[in-house]
Amino acid sequence: MRKRLIGMTGLLVLAAGPALATVGGGDVTLPVKEAGNVVFSHDRHVADIGLKCQECHVKHYLDSKQHVKVTMAEMEKGKSCGACHDGKTAFSVHGDCNKCHQH
């Protein structure tokens, strides 16, 4: 009986998960003093491109409170934004700074 109850609870959590998730998440501003802030658009990545939340969370990002800053050199080696923005999957993080950084 206990195993059945745990299994049913798990199914409820899985079924409710998508309803509780915020699709899109809005814009996130990442402060970068030296180069200008970066505004990350969830809508652009989720709605326009069709990425699933799991493609970035928790693989590359956790959440805004637990986010770990990485350097541009680390991004160029495939960390953070550089995982997709490699010049093949999406435009490269190396090059035109104004594509991401706002002044």
Protein backbone atom coordinates (compact mmCIF):
# COMPACT_ATOMS: atom_id res chain seq x y z
CA MET A 1 0.00 0.00 0.00
CA ARG A 2 2.80 2.41 0.92
CA LYS A 3 4.61 1.88 -2.41
CA ARG A 4 1.35 2.49 -4.27
CA LEU A 5 0.75 5.73 -2.35
CA ILE A 6 4.29 6.98 -3.06
CA GLY A 7 3.86 6.08 -6.73
CA MET A 8 0.57 7.94 -6.95
CA THR A 9 2.09 10.98 -5.23
CA GLY A 10 4.94 10.95 -7.74
CA LEU A 11 2.47 10.90 -10.62
CA LEU A 12 0.62 13.88 -9.15
CA VAL A 13 3.86 15.84 -8.85
CA LEU A 14 4.85 14.99 -12.42
CA ALA A 15 1.41 15.91 -13.73
CA ALA A 16 1.33 19.20 -11.80
CA GLY A 17 4.91 20.14 -12.69
CA PRO A 18 4.15 21.62 -16.13
CA ALA A 19 1.20 23.56 -14.73
CA LEU A 20 3.38 25.08 -12.01
CA ALA A 21 6.24 26.00 -14.33
CA THR A 22 6.50 29.51 -15.74
CA VAL A 23 6.81 29.21 -19.47
CA GLY A 24 9.08 31.87 -20.91
CA GLY A 25 10.22 33.41 -17.65
CA GLY A 26 10.46 36.94 -19.05
CA ASP A 27 13.64 38.92 -19.53
CA VAL A 28 16.58 38.48 -17.17
CA THR A 29 19.13 41.29 -16.88
CA LEU A 30 22.66 40.12 -16.15
CA PRO A 31 24.71 43.04 -14.82
CA VAL A 32 28.16 43.37 -16.41
CA LYS A 33 29.88 46.59 -15.31
CA GLU A 34 32.84 46.44 -17.68
CA ALA A 35 31.06 45.64 -20.93
CA GLY A 36 27.41 46.64 -20.39
CA ASN A 37 24.48 44.60 -19.12
CA VAL A 38 23.19 41.57 -20.98
CA VAL A 39 19.42 41.11 -21.25
CA PHE A 40 18.52 37.46 -21.72
CA SER A 41 15.11 36.94 -23.31
CA HIS A 42 13.36 33.73 -22.31
CA ASP A 43 10.70 34.44 -24.96
CA ARG A 44 13.30 34.58 -27.71
CA HIS A 45 14.88 31.30 -26.64
CA VAL A 46 11.75 29.39 -25.55
CA ALA A 47 8.87 30.70 -27.66
CA ASP A 48 10.71 31.82 -30.81
CA ILE A 49 13.42 29.16 -31.07
CA GLY A 50 11.55 26.37 -29.28
CA LEU A 51 14.09 25.36 -26.65
CA LYS A 52 12.78 23.31 -23.76
CA CYS A 53 13.47 24.53 -20.21
CA GLN A 54 15.54 21.40 -19.49
CA GLU A 55 17.95 22.24 -22.29
CA CYS A 56 19.39 25.04 -20.15
CA HIS A 57 18.10 24.43 -16.61
CA VAL A 58 19.92 22.84 -14.64
CA LYS A 59 22.41 21.81 -17.27
CA HIS A 60 23.88 25.28 -17.83
CA TYR A 61 21.93 27.46 -15.42
CA LEU A 62 20.31 26.99 -12.06
CA ASP A 63 18.32 30.09 -11.22
CA SER A 64 19.07 33.77 -10.73
CA LYS A 65 19.97 33.31 -7.04
CA GLN A 66 22.34 30.40 -7.68
CA HIS A 67 23.72 31.52 -11.05
CA VAL A 68 27.50 31.28 -11.29
CA LYS A 69 29.19 34.03 -13.29
CA VAL A 70 31.58 32.91 -16.00
CA THR A 71 34.13 34.88 -17.98
CA MET A 72 34.01 35.45 -21.71
CA ALA A 73 37.02 33.14 -22.03
CA GLU A 74 35.03 30.38 -20.29
CA MET A 75 32.05 31.04 -22.58
CA GLU A 76 34.32 30.75 -25.61
CA LYS A 77 35.25 27.28 -24.30
CA GLY A 78 31.59 26.23 -24.15
CA LYS A 79 30.41 27.22 -20.69
CA SER A 80 27.18 29.08 -20.01
CA CYS A 81 25.96 30.94 -23.14
CA GLY A 82 28.87 29.47 -25.09
CA ALA A 83 27.30 26.01 -24.90
CA CYS A 84 25.01 27.04 -27.77
CA HIS A 85 26.52 30.33 -28.89
CA ASP A 86 29.50 28.61 -30.47
CA GLY A 87 29.19 29.91 -34.04
CA LYS A 88 27.57 26.65 -35.18
CA THR A 89 24.40 26.19 -33.13
CA ALA A 90 23.92 29.96 -32.70
CA PHE A 91 26.01 33.06 -33.26
CA SER A 92 29.33 32.99 -31.42
CA VAL A 93 29.94 34.71 -28.08
CA HIS A 94 33.24 35.80 -29.61
CA GLY A 95 33.06 38.85 -31.82
CA ASP A 96 30.30 41.45 -31.96
CA CYS A 97 29.92 42.40 -28.28
CA ASN A 98 26.89 44.63 -29.00
CA LYS A 99 24.76 41.60 -29.90
CA CYS A 100 24.50 40.84 -26.19
CA HIS A 101 25.99 43.73 -24.22
CA GLN A 102 23.97 46.93 -23.96
CA HIS A 103 25.59 50.27 -23.24
